[in-house]
Amino acid sequence: MSNTSMSKSYDGDDGWQWNANNTKLLVDLYEERYLRFQDPRVRKRSLWLEIVEDMEQAGYKGISADICDRKWRNMRKTYRTSKEAMLKSGRKSVAWPYYDFFEKMHQTEGRPQSSSEKNSDSDETTFNIAVADILAATSESIPSTTTADDLTVTQEQQRQLLILERSRIAAVKELSRRIDESNSIQRERNDLLREFLTKI
């Protein structure tokens, strides 16, 4: 892939030139990670570092996470400026090639979190606490030291240990089910977002 173009932008980054090709690649790589960028639990810098790695593999050397982040902030600023100018002038379109992309992204980011998404996070937290309680109860029920009198395990102790072990197994199975369910929901979100953005 060539990293030369008729249109170049320095954006204040010494030695690095933005052009139509590498800007388009930046947008594509951001789009691939869109949902992760919206996740407050994910460090944004780690995502920019992933993008830097992909751009370097595409032949663009000298790029950095700070350069990418600064470029993205400038593009957001360009979007807001273009939108304000369009509203003031009454025009229905702008010449900036990424306006529609940022408009769709802005609308998606403005969508309030659904009750099902909130409940999913709440359920996961509640479940994790329940699993921790089960495991803690199991650990507390088994003595850490034994004496000669303790070596003879009664039937009642065997029954209690069996119940606790079954509780462990049930907790692990439930955790596995929740993880599978969460992964399925995430895949559906990714598919919907991908379909949404392809219409831009």
N, C-alpha and C. Protein backbone atom coordinates (compact mmCIF):
# COMPACT_ATOMS: atom_id res chain seq x y z
N MET A 1 0.84 -1.19 0.00
CA MET A 1 0.00 0.00 0.00
C MET A 1 0.88 1.24 0.00
N SER A 2 0.58 2.18 -0.87
CA SER A 2 1.40 3.39 -0.97
C SER A 2 1.00 4.36 0.11
N ASN A 3 1.98 5.05 0.67
CA ASN A 3 1.67 6.04 1.69
C ASN A 3 1.95 7.45 1.19
N THR A 4 1.74 7.63 -0.10
CA THR A 4 1.85 8.96 -0.69
C THR A 4 0.51 9.35 -1.27
N SER A 5 0.23 10.63 -1.30
CA SER A 5 -1.04 11.12 -1.82
C SER A 5 -0.89 12.59 -2.16
N MET A 6 -1.84 13.07 -3.01
CA MET A 6 -1.82 14.47 -3.39
C MET A 6 -2.15 15.36 -2.19
N SER A 7 -3.01 14.83 -1.29
CA SER A 7 -3.43 15.61 -0.13
C SER A 7 -2.68 15.14 1.10
N LYS A 8 -1.97 16.08 1.77
CA LYS A 8 -1.19 15.71 2.94
C LYS A 8 -1.50 16.65 4.09
N SER A 9 -1.43 16.12 5.30
CA SER A 9 -1.67 16.92 6.50
C SER A 9 -0.65 16.53 7.55
N TYR A 10 0.00 17.54 8.14
CA TYR A 10 1.04 17.25 9.13
C TYR A 10 0.48 17.17 10.55
N ASP A 11 -0.58 17.91 10.85
CA ASP A 11 -1.21 17.88 12.16
C ASP A 11 -0.23 18.13 13.30
N GLY A 12 0.86 18.83 13.03
CA GLY A 12 1.82 19.16 14.07
C GLY A 12 2.71 18.03 14.50
N ASP A 13 2.73 16.91 13.76
CA ASP A 13 3.55 15.75 14.13
C ASP A 13 4.78 15.71 13.24
N ASP A 14 5.95 15.96 13.83
CA ASP A 14 7.20 16.00 13.07
C ASP A 14 7.46 14.67 12.38
N GLY A 15 7.74 14.76 11.09
CA GLY A 15 8.12 13.57 10.35
C GLY A 15 6.97 12.68 9.92
N TRP A 16 5.76 12.97 10.35
CA TRP A 16 4.62 12.14 9.96
C TRP A 16 3.66 12.95 9.11
N GLN A 17 3.21 12.36 8.01
CA GLN A 17 2.29 13.03 7.10
C GLN A 17 1.02 12.21 6.96
N TRP A 18 -0.11 12.84 7.23
CA TRP A 18 -1.39 12.19 6.98
C TRP A 18 -1.80 12.45 5.54
N ASN A 19 -2.32 11.42 4.90
CA ASN A 19 -2.84 11.57 3.55
C ASN A 19 -4.12 10.77 3.42
N ALA A 20 -4.71 10.78 2.24
CA ALA A 20 -6.00 10.11 2.05
C ALA A 20 -5.92 8.63 2.36
N ASN A 21 -4.82 7.99 1.99
CA ASN A 21 -4.70 6.54 2.18
C ASN A 21 -4.57 6.15 3.65
N ASN A 22 -3.60 6.77 4.35
CA ASN A 22 -3.42 6.34 5.74
C ASN A 22 -4.55 6.86 6.65
N THR A 23 -5.21 7.94 6.26
CA THR A 23 -6.36 8.40 7.02
C THR A 23 -7.52 7.41 6.88
N LYS A 24 -7.73 6.93 5.66
CA LYS A 24 -8.78 5.93 5.43
C LYS A 24 -8.48 4.66 6.23
N LEU A 25 -7.23 4.26 6.28
CA LEU A 25 -6.85 3.07 7.05
C LEU A 25 -7.12 3.30 8.53
N LEU A 26 -6.79 4.48 9.03
CA LEU A 26 -7.04 4.81 10.43
C LEU A 26 -8.53 4.67 10.76
N VAL A 27 -9.37 5.20 9.88
CA VAL A 27 -10.82 5.13 10.10
C VAL A 27 -11.29 3.67 10.09
N ASP A 28 -10.79 2.89 9.16
CA ASP A 28 -11.18 1.47 9.07
C ASP A 28 -10.77 0.71 10.33
N LEU A 29 -9.55 0.96 10.81
CA LEU A 29 -9.06 0.26 11.99
C LEU A 29 -9.81 0.68 13.25
N TYR A 30 -10.20 1.95 13.31
CA TYR A 30 -11.00 2.42 14.44
C TYR A 30 -12.38 1.76 14.40
N GLU A 31 -12.94 1.68 13.19
CA GLU A 31 -14.26 1.08 13.04
C GLU A 31 -14.27 -0.37 13.52
N GLU A 32 -13.20 -1.10 13.25
CA GLU A 32 -13.10 -2.49 13.68
C GLU A 32 -13.13 -2.61 15.21
N ARG A 33 -12.69 -1.57 15.89
CA ARG A 33 -12.60 -1.59 17.35
C ARG A 33 -13.62 -0.66 18.00
N TYR A 34 -14.63 -0.28 17.24
CA TYR A 34 -15.58 0.73 17.71
C TYR A 34 -16.19 0.37 19.07
N LEU A 35 -16.71 -0.84 19.18
CA LEU A 35 -17.37 -1.23 20.43
C LEU A 35 -16.40 -1.24 21.60
N ARG A 36 -15.18 -1.63 21.36
CA ARG A 36 -14.19 -1.65 22.43
C ARG A 36 -13.81 -0.22 22.84
N PHE A 37 -13.82 0.71 21.88
CA PHE A 37 -13.55 2.11 22.23
C PHE A 37 -14.67 2.68 23.10
N GLN A 38 -15.88 2.14 22.98
CA GLN A 38 -17.00 2.63 23.78
C GLN A 38 -17.07 1.98 25.15
N ASP A 39 -16.29 0.94 25.36
CA ASP A 39 -16.30 0.21 26.63
C ASP A 39 -15.41 0.93 27.65
N PRO A 40 -15.98 1.47 28.72
CA PRO A 40 -15.17 2.21 29.70
C PRO A 40 -14.14 1.34 30.41
N ARG A 41 -14.31 0.03 30.33
CA ARG A 41 -13.35 -0.87 31.00
C ARG A 41 -12.10 -1.10 30.18
N VAL A 42 -12.12 -0.68 28.91
CA VAL A 42 -10.98 -0.91 28.02
C VAL A 42 -10.13 0.36 27.96
N ARG A 43 -8.83 0.21 28.14
CA ARG A 43 -7.92 1.35 28.06
C ARG A 43 -7.78 1.79 26.60
N LYS A 44 -8.08 3.05 26.34
CA LYS A 44 -8.05 3.56 24.96
C LYS A 44 -6.64 3.50 24.37
N ARG A 45 -5.65 3.74 25.20
CA ARG A 45 -4.28 3.72 24.68
C ARG A 45 -3.91 2.35 24.15
N SER A 46 -4.38 1.30 24.80
CA SER A 46 -4.07 -0.04 24.32
C SER A 46 -4.68 -0.28 22.93
N LEU A 47 -5.85 0.31 22.68
CA LEU A 47 -6.48 0.18 21.36
C LEU A 47 -5.69 0.97 20.31
N TRP A 48 -5.23 2.16 20.68
CA TRP A 48 -4.42 2.94 19.73
C TRP A 48 -3.12 2.22 19.41
N LEU A 49 -2.56 1.54 20.40
CA LEU A 49 -1.32 0.79 20.15
C LEU A 49 -1.58 -0.37 19.19
N GLU A 50 -2.75 -0.98 19.28
CA GLU A 50 -3.12 -2.03 18.33
C GLU A 50 -3.20 -1.45 16.92
N ILE A 51 -3.81 -0.28 16.81
CA ILE A 51 -3.95 0.38 15.51
C ILE A 51 -2.59 0.74 14.94
N VAL A 52 -1.70 1.23 15.80
CA VAL A 52 -0.33 1.55 15.36
C VAL A 52 0.34 0.32 14.79
N GLU A 53 0.19 -0.80 15.47
CA GLU A 53 0.81 -2.05 15.00
C GLU A 53 0.27 -2.45 13.63
N ASP A 54 -1.04 -2.33 13.44
CA ASP A 54 -1.64 -2.67 12.15
C ASP A 54 -1.17 -1.72 11.05
N MET A 55 -1.04 -0.44 11.37
CA MET A 55 -0.60 0.52 10.38
C MET A 55 0.86 0.28 10.00
N GLU A 56 1.67 -0.08 10.98
CA GLU A 56 3.07 -0.39 10.68
C GLU A 56 3.18 -1.63 9.80
N GLN A 57 2.32 -2.61 10.04
CA GLN A 57 2.31 -3.80 9.20
C GLN A 57 1.87 -3.47 7.77
N ALA A 58 1.08 -2.39 7.64
CA ALA A 58 0.64 -1.96 6.31
C ALA A 58 1.69 -1.10 5.61
N GLY A 59 2.82 -0.85 6.29
CA GLY A 59 3.91 -0.12 5.66
C GLY A 59 4.08 1.31 6.11
N TYR A 60 3.28 1.74 7.09
CA TYR A 60 3.37 3.12 7.56
C TYR A 60 4.25 3.18 8.81
N LYS A 61 5.46 3.62 8.66
CA LYS A 61 6.41 3.69 9.76
C LYS A 61 6.43 5.10 10.36
N GLY A 62 6.83 5.20 11.62
CA GLY A 62 6.92 6.49 12.28
C GLY A 62 5.64 6.94 12.94
N ILE A 63 4.60 6.10 12.89
CA ILE A 63 3.32 6.44 13.52
C ILE A 63 3.39 6.08 15.00
N SER A 64 2.56 6.72 15.82
CA SER A 64 2.52 6.41 17.24
C SER A 64 1.08 6.53 17.74
N ALA A 65 0.84 6.02 18.96
CA ALA A 65 -0.50 6.09 19.54
C ALA A 65 -0.93 7.54 19.74
N ASP A 66 0.00 8.39 20.15
CA ASP A 66 -0.33 9.81 20.36
C ASP A 66 -0.71 10.49 19.05
N ILE A 67 0.00 10.15 17.98
CA ILE A 67 -0.30 10.75 16.67
C ILE A 67 -1.70 10.33 16.22
N CYS A 68 -2.02 9.05 16.40
CA CYS A 68 -3.34 8.56 16.00
C CYS A 68 -4.44 9.21 16.83
N ASP A 69 -4.23 9.29 18.13
CA ASP A 69 -5.23 9.89 19.01
C ASP A 69 -5.44 11.37 18.67
N ARG A 70 -4.34 12.08 18.40
CA ARG A 70 -4.43 13.50 18.05
C ARG A 70 -5.17 13.68 16.72
N LYS A 71 -4.88 12.82 15.77
CA LYS A 71 -5.56 12.89 14.47
C LYS A 71 -7.05 12.66 14.65
N TRP A 72 -7.40 11.68 15.48
CA TRP A 72 -8.82 11.37 15.68
C TRP A 72 -9.55 12.53 16.34
N ARG A 73 -8.89 13.17 17.31
CA ARG A 73 -9.50 14.33 17.96
C ARG A 73 -9.69 15.47 16.96
N ASN A 74 -8.73 15.65 16.07
CA ASN A 74 -8.84 16.69 15.04
C ASN A 74 -9.97 16.38 14.07
N MET A 75 -10.14 15.09 13.76
CA MET A 75 -11.23 14.71 12.85
C MET A 75 -12.59 14.93 13.51
N ARG A 76 -12.67 14.66 14.80
CA ARG A 76 -13.92 14.94 15.51
C ARG A 76 -14.21 16.45 15.50
N LYS A 77 -13.16 17.25 15.67
CA LYS A 77 -13.32 18.69 15.64
C LYS A 77 -13.79 19.15 14.25
N THR A 78 -13.20 18.54 13.21
CA THR A 78 -13.61 18.87 11.84
C THR A 78 -15.08 18.52 11.63
N TYR A 79 -15.50 17.38 12.18
CA TYR A 79 -16.90 16.97 12.06
C TYR A 79 -17.82 18.01 12.70
N ARG A 80 -17.49 18.43 13.93
CA ARG A 80 -18.34 19.39 14.62
C ARG A 80 -18.38 20.73 13.88
N THR A 81 -17.21 21.16 13.37
CA THR A 81 -17.16 22.42 12.62
C THR A 81 -18.00 22.32 11.35
N SER A 82 -17.89 21.19 10.66
CA SER A 82 -18.65 20.99 9.42
C SER A 82 -20.15 20.96 9.70
N LYS A 83 -20.53 20.32 10.79
CA LYS A 83 -21.95 20.23 11.14
C LYS A 83 -22.53 21.60 11.45
N GLU A 84 -21.77 22.39 12.23
CA GLU A 84 -22.23 23.74 12.56
C GLU A 84 -22.36 24.59 11.30
N ALA A 85 -21.37 24.48 10.41
CA ALA A 85 -21.42 25.26 9.16
C ALA A 85 -22.60 24.84 8.31
N MET A 86 -22.88 23.55 8.28
CA MET A 86 -23.98 23.05 7.47
C MET A 86 -25.32 23.53 8.03
N LEU A 87 -25.45 23.53 9.35
CA LEU A 87 -26.70 23.99 9.97
C LEU A 87 -26.91 25.49 9.74
N LYS A 88 -25.83 26.26 9.81
CA LYS A 88 -25.95 27.71 9.61
C LYS A 88 -26.27 28.06 8.17
N SER A 89 -25.67 27.33 7.23
CA SER A 89 -25.86 27.65 5.82
C SER A 89 -27.11 27.01 5.23
N GLY A 90 -27.65 25.99 5.91
CA GLY A 90 -28.82 25.31 5.38
C GLY A 90 -28.49 24.24 4.35
N ARG A 91 -27.21 24.00 4.12
CA ARG A 91 -26.82 22.96 3.18
C ARG A 91 -27.16 21.58 3.74
N LYS A 92 -27.35 20.61 2.84
CA LYS A 92 -27.71 19.26 3.27
C LYS A 92 -26.56 18.29 3.18
N SER A 93 -25.42 18.76 2.74
CA SER A 93 -24.25 17.88 2.67
C SER A 93 -22.98 18.73 2.74
N VAL A 94 -21.87 18.08 3.06
CA VAL A 94 -20.58 18.75 3.11
C VAL A 94 -19.58 17.96 2.28
N ALA A 95 -18.50 18.62 1.91
CA ALA A 95 -17.51 17.98 1.03
C ALA A 95 -16.58 17.05 1.79
N TRP A 96 -16.47 17.22 3.11
CA TRP A 96 -15.53 16.40 3.88
C TRP A 96 -15.91 14.93 3.75
N PRO A 97 -15.03 14.06 3.31
CA PRO A 97 -15.39 12.66 3.00
C PRO A 97 -15.79 11.82 4.19
N TYR A 98 -15.43 12.23 5.41
CA TYR A 98 -15.73 11.40 6.58
C TYR A 98 -16.89 11.94 7.41
N TYR A 99 -17.59 12.94 6.86
CA TYR A 99 -18.68 13.53 7.64
C TYR A 99 -19.76 12.51 7.96
N ASP A 100 -20.21 11.75 6.96
CA ASP A 100 -21.29 10.78 7.17
C ASP A 100 -20.88 9.72 8.19
N PHE A 101 -19.62 9.29 8.13
CA PHE A 101 -19.15 8.29 9.08
C PHE A 101 -19.24 8.81 10.51
N PHE A 102 -18.75 10.03 10.75
CA PHE A 102 -18.77 10.59 12.10
C PHE A 102 -20.19 10.93 12.54
N GLU A 103 -21.04 11.28 11.60
CA GLU A 103 -22.44 11.56 11.93
C GLU A 103 -23.12 10.30 12.44
N LYS A 104 -22.93 9.19 11.73
CA LYS A 104 -23.51 7.92 12.16
C LYS A 104 -22.93 7.48 13.50
N MET A 105 -21.64 7.65 13.65
CA MET A 105 -20.98 7.26 14.89
C MET A 105 -21.49 8.12 16.06
N HIS A 106 -21.68 9.41 15.80
CA HIS A 106 -22.17 10.32 16.84
C HIS A 106 -23.58 9.92 17.26
N GLN A 107 -24.42 9.54 16.31
CA GLN A 107 -25.78 9.12 16.62
C GLN A 107 -25.78 7.83 17.44
N THR A 108 -24.87 6.92 17.10
CA THR A 108 -24.78 5.66 17.84
C THR A 108 -24.29 5.89 19.26
N GLU A 109 -23.30 6.77 19.41
CA GLU A 109 -22.77 7.07 20.75
C GLU A 109 -23.80 7.75 21.61
N GLY A 110 -24.72 8.49 20.98
CA GLY A 110 -25.74 9.19 21.74
C GLY A 110 -26.90 8.31 22.17
N ARG A 111 -26.91 7.05 21.70
CA ARG A 111 -28.01 6.14 22.05
C ARG A 111 -27.87 5.71 23.50
N PRO A 112 -28.94 5.90 24.29
CA PRO A 112 -28.86 5.51 25.70
C PRO A 112 -28.75 4.00 25.84
N GLN A 113 -28.09 3.56 26.89
CA GLN A 113 -27.93 2.13 27.13
C GLN A 113 -29.29 1.51 27.42
N SER A 114 -29.61 0.40 26.77
CA SER A 114 -30.88 -0.26 26.96
C SER A 114 -30.95 -0.91 28.33
N SER A 115 -32.19 -1.17 28.79
CA SER A 115 -32.36 -1.80 30.10
C SER A 115 -31.78 -3.20 30.12
N SER A 116 -31.85 -3.91 28.97
CA SER A 116 -31.30 -5.26 28.92
C SER A 116 -29.79 -5.24 29.09
N GLU A 117 -29.11 -4.22 28.50
CA GLU A 117 -27.67 -4.10 28.65
C GLU A 117 -27.30 -3.79 30.09
N LYS A 118 -28.09 -2.91 30.73
CA LYS A 118 -27.81 -2.58 32.12
C LYS A 118 -28.04 -3.79 33.02
N ASN A 119 -29.14 -4.53 32.75
CA ASN A 119 -29.44 -5.70 33.55
C ASN A 119 -28.39 -6.77 33.39
N SER A 120 -27.83 -6.88 32.17
CA SER A 120 -26.80 -7.87 31.92
C SER A 120 -25.58 -7.61 32.79
N ASP A 121 -25.17 -6.33 32.87
CA ASP A 121 -24.03 -5.98 33.71
C ASP A 121 -24.33 -6.23 35.18
N SER A 122 -25.57 -5.89 35.60
CA SER A 122 -25.96 -6.08 36.99
C SER A 122 -26.00 -7.56 37.35
N ASP A 123 -26.57 -8.37 36.44
CA ASP A 123 -26.67 -9.81 36.68
C ASP A 123 -25.29 -10.43 36.80
N GLU A 124 -24.38 -9.99 35.94
CA GLU A 124 -23.03 -10.55 35.97
C GLU A 124 -22.35 -10.24 37.30
N THR A 125 -22.52 -9.01 37.78
CA THR A 125 -21.92 -8.64 39.06
C THR A 125 -22.50 -9.46 40.20
N THR A 126 -23.84 -9.61 40.21
CA THR A 126 -24.50 -10.39 41.25
C THR A 126 -24.04 -11.83 41.23
N PHE A 127 -23.94 -12.38 40.02
CA PHE A 127 -23.52 -13.77 39.89
C PHE A 127 -22.09 -13.97 40.39
N ASN A 128 -21.20 -13.06 40.03
CA ASN A 128 -19.82 -13.17 40.48
C ASN A 128 -19.71 -13.15 42.00
N ILE A 129 -20.54 -12.32 42.63
CA ILE A 129 -20.56 -12.28 44.10
C ILE A 129 -21.04 -13.61 44.67
N ALA A 130 -22.07 -14.19 44.02
CA ALA A 130 -22.60 -15.46 44.49
C ALA A 130 -21.57 -16.57 44.39
N VAL A 131 -20.84 -16.60 43.27
CA VAL A 131 -19.79 -17.61 43.10
C VAL A 131 -18.72 -17.45 44.16
N ALA A 132 -18.33 -16.20 44.43
CA ALA A 132 -17.31 -15.95 45.44
C ALA A 132 -17.78 -16.43 46.81
N ASP A 133 -19.08 -16.22 47.12
CA ASP A 133 -19.61 -16.66 48.40
C ASP A 133 -19.57 -18.18 48.53
N ILE A 134 -19.92 -18.87 47.43
CA ILE A 134 -19.92 -20.34 47.45
C ILE A 134 -18.52 -20.87 47.70
N LEU A 135 -17.56 -20.32 46.95
CA LEU A 135 -16.18 -20.78 47.09
C LEU A 135 -15.62 -20.46 48.47
N ALA A 136 -16.00 -19.30 49.00
CA ALA A 136 -15.53 -18.93 50.34
C ALA A 136 -16.11 -19.86 51.39
N ALA A 137 -17.40 -20.19 51.23
CA ALA A 137 -18.04 -21.10 52.18
C ALA A 137 -17.39 -22.47 52.14
N THR A 138 -17.03 -22.91 50.93
CA THR A 138 -16.39 -24.21 50.79
C THR A 138 -15.05 -24.22 51.50
N SER A 139 -14.27 -23.17 51.32
CA SER A 139 -12.94 -23.10 51.93
C SER A 139 -13.04 -23.06 53.45
N GLU A 140 -14.04 -22.32 53.96
CA GLU A 140 -14.18 -22.20 55.40
C GLU A 140 -14.64 -23.50 56.04
N SER A 141 -15.35 -24.36 55.26
CA SER A 141 -15.91 -25.59 55.80
C SER A 141 -14.89 -26.69 55.91
N ILE A 142 -13.75 -26.58 55.24
CA ILE A 142 -12.73 -27.62 55.25
C ILE A 142 -11.61 -27.19 56.18
N PRO A 143 -11.33 -27.93 57.24
CA PRO A 143 -10.27 -27.55 58.18
C PRO A 143 -8.92 -27.47 57.50
N SER A 144 -8.11 -26.49 57.92
CA SER A 144 -6.78 -26.34 57.33
C SER A 144 -5.78 -27.30 57.95
N THR A 145 -6.06 -27.79 59.16
CA THR A 145 -5.18 -28.75 59.82
C THR A 145 -5.98 -29.94 60.30
N THR A 146 -5.34 -31.07 60.45
CA THR A 146 -6.02 -32.28 60.90
C THR A 146 -5.26 -32.89 62.06
N THR A 147 -6.01 -33.62 62.90
CA THR A 147 -5.41 -34.37 64.00
C THR A 147 -5.73 -35.83 63.80
N ALA A 148 -5.22 -36.68 64.71
CA ALA A 148 -5.47 -38.11 64.59
C ALA A 148 -6.96 -38.41 64.64
N ASP A 149 -7.70 -37.62 65.47
CA ASP A 149 -9.14 -37.85 65.58
C ASP A 149 -9.89 -37.46 64.31
N ASP A 150 -9.28 -36.53 63.54
CA ASP A 150 -9.95 -36.06 62.31
C ASP A 150 -9.75 -36.99 61.14
N LEU A 151 -8.86 -37.95 61.25
CA LEU A 151 -8.54 -38.80 60.11
C LEU A 151 -9.70 -39.69 59.72
N THR A 152 -10.59 -39.98 60.66
CA THR A 152 -11.76 -40.81 60.37
C THR A 152 -12.88 -39.90 59.88
N VAL A 153 -13.17 -39.99 58.59
CA VAL A 153 -14.20 -39.14 57.99
C VAL A 153 -15.55 -39.82 58.13
N THR A 154 -16.46 -39.17 58.80
CA THR A 154 -17.78 -39.75 59.00
C THR A 154 -18.62 -39.63 57.74
N GLN A 155 -19.71 -40.35 57.71
CA GLN A 155 -20.62 -40.29 56.57
C GLN A 155 -21.23 -38.90 56.43
N GLU A 156 -21.47 -38.24 57.56
CA GLU A 156 -22.04 -36.90 57.52
C GLU A 156 -21.07 -35.91 56.88
N GLN A 157 -19.79 -36.04 57.21
CA GLN A 157 -18.78 -35.17 56.60
C GLN A 157 -18.68 -35.43 55.10
N GLN A 158 -18.74 -36.71 54.73
CA GLN A 158 -18.71 -37.05 53.31
C GLN A 158 -19.89 -36.43 52.57
N ARG A 159 -21.07 -36.47 53.21
CA ARG A 159 -22.26 -35.90 52.59
C ARG A 159 -22.11 -34.39 52.40
N GLN A 160 -21.56 -33.72 53.43
CA GLN A 160 -21.38 -32.28 53.34
C GLN A 160 -20.37 -31.91 52.26
N LEU A 161 -19.29 -32.69 52.20
CA LEU A 161 -18.29 -32.44 51.16
C LEU A 161 -18.87 -32.64 49.77
N LEU A 162 -19.72 -33.65 49.63
CA LEU A 162 -20.35 -33.92 48.34
C LEU A 162 -21.26 -32.77 47.93
N ILE A 163 -22.02 -32.25 48.90
CA ILE A 163 -22.91 -31.12 48.61
C ILE A 163 -22.11 -29.89 48.18
N LEU A 164 -21.01 -29.63 48.90
CA LEU A 164 -20.18 -28.48 48.55
C LEU A 164 -19.55 -28.64 47.17
N GLU A 165 -19.13 -29.87 46.86
CA GLU A 165 -18.53 -30.11 45.55
C GLU A 165 -19.55 -29.92 44.44
N ARG A 166 -20.77 -30.36 44.69
CA ARG A 166 -21.84 -30.16 43.70
C ARG A 166 -22.13 -28.67 43.52
N SER A 167 -22.04 -27.93 44.62
CA SER A 167 -22.24 -26.48 44.53
C SER A 167 -21.16 -25.84 43.68
N ARG A 168 -19.93 -26.30 43.85
CA ARG A 168 -18.83 -25.80 43.02
C ARG A 168 -19.12 -26.06 41.54
N ILE A 169 -19.49 -27.30 41.23
CA ILE A 169 -19.74 -27.68 39.84
C ILE A 169 -20.88 -26.85 39.25
N ALA A 170 -21.96 -26.68 40.04
CA ALA A 170 -23.10 -25.89 39.56
C ALA A 170 -22.69 -24.45 39.29
N ALA A 171 -21.85 -23.89 40.17
CA ALA A 171 -21.40 -22.51 39.99
C ALA A 171 -20.56 -22.37 38.74
N VAL A 172 -19.68 -23.34 38.49
CA VAL A 172 -18.83 -23.30 37.30
C VAL A 172 -19.67 -23.42 36.04
N LYS A 173 -20.67 -24.31 36.06
CA LYS A 173 -21.54 -24.47 34.89
C LYS A 173 -22.33 -23.20 34.61
N GLU A 174 -22.83 -22.58 35.67
CA GLU A 174 -23.58 -21.34 35.50
C GLU A 174 -22.70 -20.22 34.97
N LEU A 175 -21.47 -20.16 35.47
CA LEU A 175 -20.52 -19.16 34.98
C LEU A 175 -20.23 -19.37 33.50
N SER A 176 -20.06 -20.63 33.11
CA SER A 176 -19.81 -20.95 31.70
C SER A 176 -20.99 -20.54 30.84
N ARG A 177 -22.21 -20.77 31.35
CA ARG A 177 -23.41 -20.39 30.59
C ARG A 177 -23.50 -18.88 30.43
N ARG A 178 -23.18 -18.15 31.50
CA ARG A 178 -23.23 -16.69 31.43
C ARG A 178 -22.20 -16.15 30.43
N ILE A 179 -21.02 -16.75 30.43
CA ILE A 179 -19.97 -16.31 29.51
C ILE A 179 -20.40 -16.55 28.07
N ASP A 180 -20.97 -17.74 27.80
CA ASP A 180 -21.45 -18.05 26.44
C ASP A 180 -22.54 -17.08 26.02
N GLU A 181 -23.45 -16.77 26.95
CA GLU A 181 -24.54 -15.85 26.66
C GLU A 181 -24.00 -14.45 26.37
N SER A 182 -23.03 -14.02 27.18
CA SER A 182 -22.42 -12.70 26.97
C SER A 182 -21.71 -12.62 25.64
N ASN A 183 -20.98 -13.69 25.28
CA ASN A 183 -20.28 -13.72 23.99
C ASN A 183 -21.26 -13.66 22.84
N SER A 184 -22.40 -14.36 22.99
CA SER A 184 -23.41 -14.36 21.93
C SER A 184 -23.99 -12.96 21.74
N ILE A 185 -24.27 -12.28 22.86
CA ILE A 185 -24.81 -10.91 22.79
C ILE A 185 -23.80 -9.98 22.14
N GLN A 186 -22.51 -10.15 22.49
CA GLN A 186 -21.46 -9.30 21.93
C GLN A 186 -21.35 -9.51 20.42
N ARG A 187 -21.46 -10.78 19.99
CA ARG A 187 -21.39 -11.05 18.55
C ARG A 187 -22.55 -10.40 17.81
N GLU A 188 -23.75 -10.44 18.42
CA GLU A 188 -24.90 -9.81 17.79
C GLU A 188 -24.71 -8.30 17.68
N ARG A 189 -24.14 -7.71 18.73
CA ARG A 189 -23.88 -6.26 18.69
C ARG A 189 -22.88 -5.92 17.59
N ASN A 190 -21.84 -6.74 17.49
CA ASN A 190 -20.83 -6.50 16.46
C ASN A 190 -21.44 -6.59 15.07
N ASP A 191 -22.32 -7.60 14.87
CA ASP A 191 -22.95 -7.77 13.56
C ASP A 191 -23.85 -6.59 13.23
N LEU A 192 -24.61 -6.12 14.24
CA LEU A 192 -25.50 -4.98 14.02
C LEU A 192 -24.71 -3.71 13.70
N LEU A 193 -23.62 -3.51 14.44
CA LEU A 193 -22.79 -2.33 14.19
C LEU A 193 -22.15 -2.39 12.81
N ARG A 194 -21.66 -3.58 12.44
CA ARG A 194 -21.03 -3.74 11.14
C ARG A 194 -22.04 -3.46 10.02
N GLU A 195 -23.27 -3.98 10.20
CA GLU A 195 -24.32 -3.74 9.20
C GLU A 195 -24.68 -2.26 9.14
N PHE A 196 -24.71 -1.63 10.33
CA PHE A 196 -25.04 -0.21 10.42
C PHE A 196 -24.02 0.65 9.70
N LEU A 197 -22.74 0.35 9.93
CA LEU A 197 -21.67 1.18 9.37
C LEU A 197 -21.46 0.93 7.88
N THR A 198 -21.84 -0.25 7.39
CA THR A 198 -21.69 -0.52 5.96
C THR A 198 -22.67 0.30 5.13
N LYS A 199 -23.69 0.83 5.78
CA LYS A 199 -24.69 1.64 5.08
C LYS A 199 -24.29 3.10 4.99
N ILE A 200 -23.13 3.42 5.60
CA ILE A 200 -22.67 4.82 5.57
C ILE A 200 -22.30 5.23 4.15
